[in-house]
Amino acid sequence: MARAMPQEVTAESRRRVALVYHFCRVQTPHIALPLERFESRLRGMYERARSSKSPPANWDEFLARLQPLDAFVVASCIEGNQDAWQLLLFDARVGRQEKRLLDALRTRAVKLFPGNEERQNSAVNDFWGHLLVSETPGAVPILQRYDAMRPLVPWLITVFQNWQISKLRPRDGRNASLDVDDLLADRDSPSDSTPHWHESFCEAARLWLGQVAEEEDLLLLGLLWRHRLSQREAAKLLRVHEGTISRRVKDLSERCLDYVAAHLRSEGWAGEDLSGFIYSEMASVLFDEPRLSPQYLARLLRERGKSLTQE
């Protein structure tokens, strides 16, 4: 049954939807999705976005913040378009210089289940299978939880990571998987958060990251954030004391928070807690940094006679 159009939809906003649709069709001419089906799926994403921690104020703001190509691909996948699935499987990329989505998921699986190739493969395959079919009866499939307000690929990788970790950690004294709603729930953001502050945080975080000039700092950020090594694992790889890593992490964190907080305060922000922004936005900022790409980090390691695959 088709969803009713949001009450605030106007003739102008419908023209904007049509423009978004035709832009996506030009960018992905091999994906044939009727305009009316795209509109219907877009309304579903709008409903999801309205229940998020930083909801759009109205339909027009939703369209202004929309990730158009990601929304189009997700809508097409939900509609069963095989070309869209092929694009998501083989062409979707992480950041500017990252590997394919599927390879990125496999890399995460290797980190989660080292030495267990069978479990690595099953983790990726199971996740892929639940994009359209929920793990538990009555739950909403993963792709239908996408709100089109954030880049799709980093979001999928985060969901995959959380989903797998939830299966590894005990819950209520036993191993149990989180319900899909728990996995996709947004972390709490600062109480006065709005889309403007999320954008300002990302801008400030990118500016701070651009000022990080020491290769040792970049390498540490890459190992901890992108490759998900623990501080102990990073210390072992770099052959330094774990306390040294802890002090460097604390220093980087304080420098980042001081810079970002000062930037936000200069724009009138009166909040205190940045943790919500860190959890919800920082990963995408780091994913987009070319100097934190796996290729760049691998080069830094090679220059130091090290690699992530060494014993």
Protein backbone atom coordinates (compact mmCIF):
# COMPACT_ATOMS: atom_id res chain seq x y z
CA MET A 1 0.00 0.00 0.00
CA ALA A 2 1.44 3.38 -1.02
CA ARG A 3 2.33 5.78 1.77
CA ALA A 4 0.55 9.13 1.96
CA MET A 5 2.64 12.13 1.03
CA PRO A 6 3.88 14.22 4.00
CA GLN A 7 1.48 17.08 4.68
CA GLU A 8 4.13 19.74 4.02
CA VAL A 9 4.89 18.45 0.49
CA THR A 10 4.33 21.18 -2.08
CA ALA A 11 4.41 21.26 -5.85
CA GLU A 12 7.90 22.76 -5.61
CA SER A 13 9.18 20.00 -3.35
CA ARG A 14 7.74 17.39 -5.70
CA ARG A 15 9.70 19.02 -8.49
CA ARG A 16 12.79 18.75 -6.30
CA VAL A 17 12.15 15.04 -5.82
CA ALA A 18 11.84 14.67 -9.58
CA LEU A 19 15.14 16.52 -10.05
CA VAL A 20 16.84 14.24 -7.52
CA TYR A 21 15.39 11.22 -9.28
CA HIS A 22 16.58 12.28 -12.73
CA PHE A 23 20.01 13.19 -11.35
CA CYS A 24 20.31 9.68 -9.94
CA ARG A 25 19.11 8.13 -13.20
CA VAL A 26 21.78 10.05 -15.10
CA GLN A 27 24.43 8.89 -12.63
CA THR A 28 23.23 5.27 -12.67
CA PRO A 29 21.51 4.76 -16.04
CA HIS A 30 21.60 0.97 -15.71
CA ILE A 31 19.32 1.08 -12.63
CA ALA A 32 15.72 1.32 -13.79
CA LEU A 33 13.47 2.41 -10.92
CA PRO A 34 10.13 4.14 -11.61
CA LEU A 35 9.79 7.62 -10.17
CA GLU A 36 6.69 6.71 -8.16
CA ARG A 37 8.52 3.80 -6.47
CA PHE A 38 11.44 6.08 -5.63
CA GLU A 39 9.02 8.63 -4.13
CA SER A 40 7.37 5.93 -2.05
CA ARG A 41 10.66 4.62 -0.66
CA LEU A 42 11.89 8.15 -0.06
CA ARG A 43 8.84 8.83 2.09
CA GLY A 44 9.72 5.76 4.14
CA MET A 45 13.22 7.13 4.68
CA TYR A 46 11.73 10.46 5.69
CA GLU A 47 9.60 8.74 8.32
CA ARG A 48 12.69 7.00 9.66
CA ALA A 49 14.64 10.29 9.70
CA ARG A 50 11.85 12.01 11.65
CA SER A 51 12.38 9.53 14.51
CA SER A 52 16.18 9.97 14.62
CA LYS A 53 18.15 11.98 17.17
CA SER A 54 18.63 14.87 14.73
CA PRO A 55 15.43 14.82 12.67
CA PRO A 56 14.76 17.12 9.74
CA ALA A 57 12.31 19.85 10.63
CA ASN A 58 10.20 19.14 7.57
CA TRP A 59 10.16 17.49 4.15
CA ASP A 60 12.09 20.32 2.52
CA GLU A 61 14.91 20.06 5.04
CA PHE A 62 14.95 16.30 4.53
CA LEU A 63 15.47 16.84 0.80
CA ALA A 64 18.20 19.40 1.50
CA ARG A 65 20.12 16.95 3.72
CA LEU A 66 19.44 13.92 1.55
CA GLN A 67 22.23 11.59 0.37
CA PRO A 68 20.64 11.28 -3.10
CA LEU A 69 22.56 8.45 -4.76
CA ASP A 70 22.64 6.38 -1.58
CA ALA A 71 18.88 6.83 -1.16
CA PHE A 72 18.31 5.86 -4.79
CA VAL A 73 20.44 2.72 -4.52
CA VAL A 74 18.75 1.63 -1.29
CA ALA A 75 15.29 2.26 -2.74
CA SER A 76 16.22 0.21 -5.80
CA CYS A 77 17.61 -2.64 -3.70
CA ILE A 78 14.45 -2.76 -1.60
CA GLU A 79 12.44 -2.86 -4.83
CA GLY A 80 14.45 -5.90 -5.91
CA ASN A 81 16.53 -4.27 -8.65
CA GLN A 82 19.45 -6.61 -9.39
CA ASP A 83 21.57 -3.89 -10.97
CA ALA A 84 21.37 -1.89 -7.75
CA TRP A 85 22.49 -4.95 -5.79
CA GLN A 86 25.43 -5.37 -8.13
CA LEU A 87 26.38 -1.73 -7.60
CA LEU A 88 26.18 -2.08 -3.82
CA LEU A 89 28.13 -5.34 -3.88
CA PHE A 90 30.90 -4.50 -6.35
CA ASP A 91 31.06 -0.71 -6.79
CA ALA A 92 30.17 0.86 -3.42
CA ARG A 93 33.33 2.25 -1.83
CA VAL A 94 34.42 3.44 1.60
CA GLY A 95 35.74 7.01 1.53
CA ARG A 96 37.79 8.28 -1.39
CA GLN A 97 40.51 5.63 -1.57
CA GLU A 98 39.02 2.65 0.27
CA LYS A 99 38.19 -0.80 -0.92
CA ARG A 100 34.79 -2.12 -1.98
CA LEU A 101 32.07 -2.44 0.63
CA LEU A 102 32.21 -6.23 0.47
CA ASP A 103 35.98 -6.24 0.97
CA ALA A 104 35.68 -3.74 3.83
CA LEU A 105 33.17 -6.04 5.54
CA ARG A 106 35.52 -8.98 5.09
CA THR A 107 38.38 -6.96 6.57
CA ARG A 108 36.24 -6.26 9.63
CA ALA A 109 35.34 -9.94 9.86
CA VAL A 110 39.03 -10.91 9.78
CA LYS A 111 39.65 -8.58 12.72
CA LEU A 112 36.70 -10.00 14.63
CA PHE A 113 37.43 -13.67 13.91
CA PRO A 114 41.19 -13.97 13.26
CA GLY A 115 42.27 -17.30 11.83
CA ASN A 116 38.69 -18.55 11.41
CA GLU A 117 37.96 -18.18 7.70
CA GLU A 118 34.69 -20.09 7.88
CA ARG A 119 33.30 -17.78 10.53
CA GLN A 120 34.60 -14.73 8.68
CA ASN A 121 32.71 -15.76 5.54
CA SER A 122 29.54 -16.67 7.40
CA ALA A 123 29.55 -13.32 9.24
CA VAL A 124 29.63 -11.38 5.97
CA ASN A 125 27.14 -13.67 4.21
CA ASP A 126 24.69 -13.60 7.12
CA PHE A 127 24.83 -9.82 7.31
CA TRP A 128 24.31 -9.51 3.57
CA GLY A 129 21.35 -11.86 3.78
CA HIS A 130 19.71 -9.76 6.48
CA LEU A 131 19.82 -6.50 4.56
CA LEU A 132 16.34 -7.23 3.24
CA VAL A 133 15.20 -10.05 5.54
CA SER A 134 15.13 -9.36 9.28
CA GLU A 135 17.00 -11.64 11.67
CA THR A 136 14.03 -11.90 14.02
CA PRO A 137 10.30 -12.06 13.18
CA GLY A 138 8.62 -8.68 13.24
CA ALA A 139 11.86 -6.68 13.11
CA VAL A 140 12.57 -4.25 10.29
CA PRO A 141 15.27 -5.34 7.79
CA ILE A 142 18.51 -3.37 7.86
CA LEU A 143 18.16 -1.49 4.57
CA GLN A 144 14.67 -0.37 5.49
CA ARG A 145 16.20 1.33 8.55
CA TYR A 146 18.35 3.61 6.41
CA ASP A 147 17.21 7.24 6.74
CA ALA A 148 19.25 8.74 3.84
CA MET A 149 20.70 11.37 6.19
CA ARG A 150 24.20 9.87 6.32
CA PRO A 151 26.55 8.17 3.83
CA LEU A 152 25.37 4.62 3.24
CA VAL A 153 28.61 2.64 3.15
CA PRO A 154 30.11 3.86 6.48
CA TRP A 155 26.67 3.35 8.03
CA LEU A 156 26.49 -0.25 6.80
CA ILE A 157 29.99 -0.99 8.08
CA THR A 158 29.10 0.43 11.50
CA VAL A 159 25.93 -1.67 11.65
CA PHE A 160 27.93 -4.77 10.64
CA GLN A 161 30.54 -4.08 13.33
CA ASN A 162 27.92 -3.54 16.04
CA TRP A 163 25.95 -6.60 14.94
CA GLN A 164 28.97 -8.89 15.13
CA ILE A 165 30.24 -7.46 18.42
CA SER A 166 26.81 -7.97 19.95
CA LYS A 167 27.10 -11.67 19.15
CA LEU A 168 30.52 -11.88 20.80
CA ARG A 169 29.62 -10.10 24.02
CA PRO A 170 27.59 -11.71 26.82
CA ARG A 171 24.21 -10.16 27.52
CA ASP A 172 22.35 -10.86 30.75
CA GLY A 173 24.82 -13.61 31.57
CA ARG A 174 24.58 -15.41 28.23
CA ASN A 175 25.60 -14.92 24.63
CA ALA A 176 22.77 -13.32 22.71
CA SER A 177 22.38 -11.12 19.68
CA LEU A 178 20.83 -7.71 19.96
CA ASP A 179 17.55 -7.08 18.27
CA VAL A 180 17.96 -5.20 15.00
CA ASP A 181 16.28 -2.17 16.59
CA ASP A 182 18.98 -2.07 19.27
CA LEU A 183 21.75 -2.41 16.71
CA LEU A 184 20.48 0.50 14.67
CA ALA A 185 19.49 2.77 17.53
CA ASP A 186 21.28 6.09 17.47
CA ARG A 187 23.55 6.91 20.38
CA ASP A 188 22.46 9.84 22.47
CA SER A 189 23.47 13.17 21.01
CA PRO A 190 23.85 16.41 22.96
CA SER A 191 20.49 17.69 24.15
CA ASP A 192 20.63 20.81 21.99
CA SER A 193 21.81 19.02 18.86
CA THR A 194 20.42 20.12 15.53
CA PRO A 195 21.49 19.38 11.95
CA HIS A 196 23.46 22.64 11.98
CA TRP A 197 25.59 21.49 14.92
CA HIS A 198 26.25 18.10 13.37
CA GLU A 199 27.50 19.84 10.23
CA SER A 200 29.58 22.25 12.31
CA PHE A 201 31.10 19.36 14.25
CA CYS A 202 32.09 17.58 11.04
CA GLU A 203 33.62 20.77 9.66
CA ALA A 204 35.60 21.35 12.86
CA ALA A 205 36.73 17.73 13.04
CA ARG A 206 37.95 17.86 9.43
CA LEU A 207 39.83 21.10 10.12
CA TRP A 208 41.49 19.58 13.19
CA LEU A 209 42.38 16.41 11.31
CA GLY A 210 43.93 18.48 8.53
CA GLN A 211 46.25 20.04 11.12
CA VAL A 212 47.54 16.67 12.32
CA ALA A 213 50.94 16.65 10.64
CA GLU A 214 52.87 14.01 12.59
CA GLU A 215 52.85 10.69 10.76
CA GLU A 216 53.05 8.85 14.08
CA ASP A 217 49.77 10.48 15.13
CA LEU A 218 48.11 9.62 11.82
CA LEU A 219 49.32 6.04 12.07
CA LEU A 220 47.95 5.71 15.59
CA LEU A 221 44.58 7.15 14.55
CA GLY A 222 44.44 4.76 11.62
CA LEU A 223 45.31 1.70 13.67
CA LEU A 224 42.81 2.48 16.42
CA TRP A 225 39.91 3.95 14.40
CA ARG A 226 40.09 2.41 10.95
CA HIS A 227 41.68 -0.95 11.72
CA ARG A 228 40.03 -1.22 15.16
CA LEU A 229 43.15 -2.36 16.98
CA SER A 230 43.14 -2.12 20.76
CA GLN A 231 45.75 0.05 22.43
CA ARG A 232 47.55 -3.10 23.52
CA GLU A 233 47.57 -4.45 19.96
CA ALA A 234 48.82 -1.13 18.61
CA ALA A 235 51.58 -1.02 21.22
CA LYS A 236 52.67 -4.55 20.30
CA LEU A 237 52.68 -3.75 16.59
CA LEU A 238 54.64 -0.51 17.04
CA ARG A 239 56.89 -2.08 19.71
CA VAL A 240 56.29 0.56 22.31
CA HIS A 241 54.95 0.41 25.85
CA GLU A 242 51.16 0.36 26.15
CA GLY A 243 51.38 3.34 28.50
CA THR A 244 53.02 5.33 25.71
CA ILE A 245 50.07 4.59 23.43
CA SER A 246 47.62 5.56 26.18
CA ARG A 247 49.34 8.91 26.72
CA ARG A 248 49.38 9.65 22.99
CA VAL A 249 45.72 8.72 22.66
CA LYS A 250 44.82 10.98 25.58
CA ASP A 251 46.82 13.84 24.06
CA LEU A 252 45.18 13.41 20.64
CA SER A 253 41.72 13.21 22.20
CA GLU A 254 42.23 16.35 24.27
CA ARG A 255 43.61 18.29 21.32
CA CYS A 256 40.71 17.22 19.14
CA LEU A 257 38.02 17.99 21.72
CA ASP A 258 39.57 21.36 22.62
CA TYR A 259 39.74 22.39 18.96
CA VAL A 260 36.24 21.19 18.09
CA ALA A 261 34.65 22.67 21.22
CA ALA A 262 36.30 26.05 20.56
CA HIS A 263 35.06 25.98 16.97
CA LEU A 264 31.49 25.18 18.05
CA ARG A 265 31.51 27.80 20.81
CA SER A 266 32.64 30.41 18.29
CA GLU A 267 29.41 29.66 16.41
CA GLY A 268 27.26 30.01 19.52
CA TRP A 269 27.04 26.43 20.78
CA ALA A 270 26.40 26.25 24.53
CA GLY A 271 26.50 22.48 24.96
CA GLU A 272 28.92 20.58 27.15
CA ASP A 273 28.92 16.95 26.01
CA LEU A 274 30.51 16.15 22.64
CA SER A 275 30.25 12.37 23.00
CA GLY A 276 27.10 12.14 20.90
CA PHE A 277 28.82 13.84 17.99
CA ILE A 278 31.92 11.68 18.44
CA TYR A 279 29.86 8.49 18.24
CA SER A 280 27.60 9.57 15.40
CA GLU A 281 29.87 11.63 13.14
CA MET A 282 33.57 11.06 13.83
CA ALA A 283 33.80 7.73 12.02
CA SER A 284 32.61 9.21 8.72
CA VAL A 285 35.10 12.10 9.07
CA LEU A 286 37.96 9.64 9.55
CA PHE A 287 36.75 7.37 6.75
CA ASP A 288 36.90 10.31 4.34
CA GLU A 289 40.47 11.32 5.24
CA PRO A 290 42.85 10.14 2.45
CA ARG A 291 45.77 10.00 4.89
CA LEU A 292 43.87 7.39 6.90
CA SER A 293 43.16 5.13 3.93
CA PRO A 294 44.42 1.52 4.25
CA GLN A 295 46.88 2.14 1.41
CA TYR A 296 48.42 5.19 3.08
CA LEU A 297 48.57 3.49 6.48
CA ALA A 298 50.16 0.41 4.92
CA ARG A 299 52.87 2.64 3.43
CA LEU A 300 53.55 4.22 6.81
CA LEU A 301 53.89 0.77 8.33
CA ARG A 302 56.18 -0.45 5.54
CA GLU A 303 58.46 2.54 6.07
CA ARG A 304 58.80 1.36 9.67
CA GLY A 305 59.37 -2.27 8.70
CA LYS A 306 55.98 -3.35 9.98
CA SER A 307 52.67 -4.65 8.64
CA LEU A 308 49.27 -5.57 10.00
CA THR A 309 49.77 -9.18 8.89
CA GLN A 310 52.98 -9.75 10.82
CA GLU A 311 52.97 -12.21 13.64
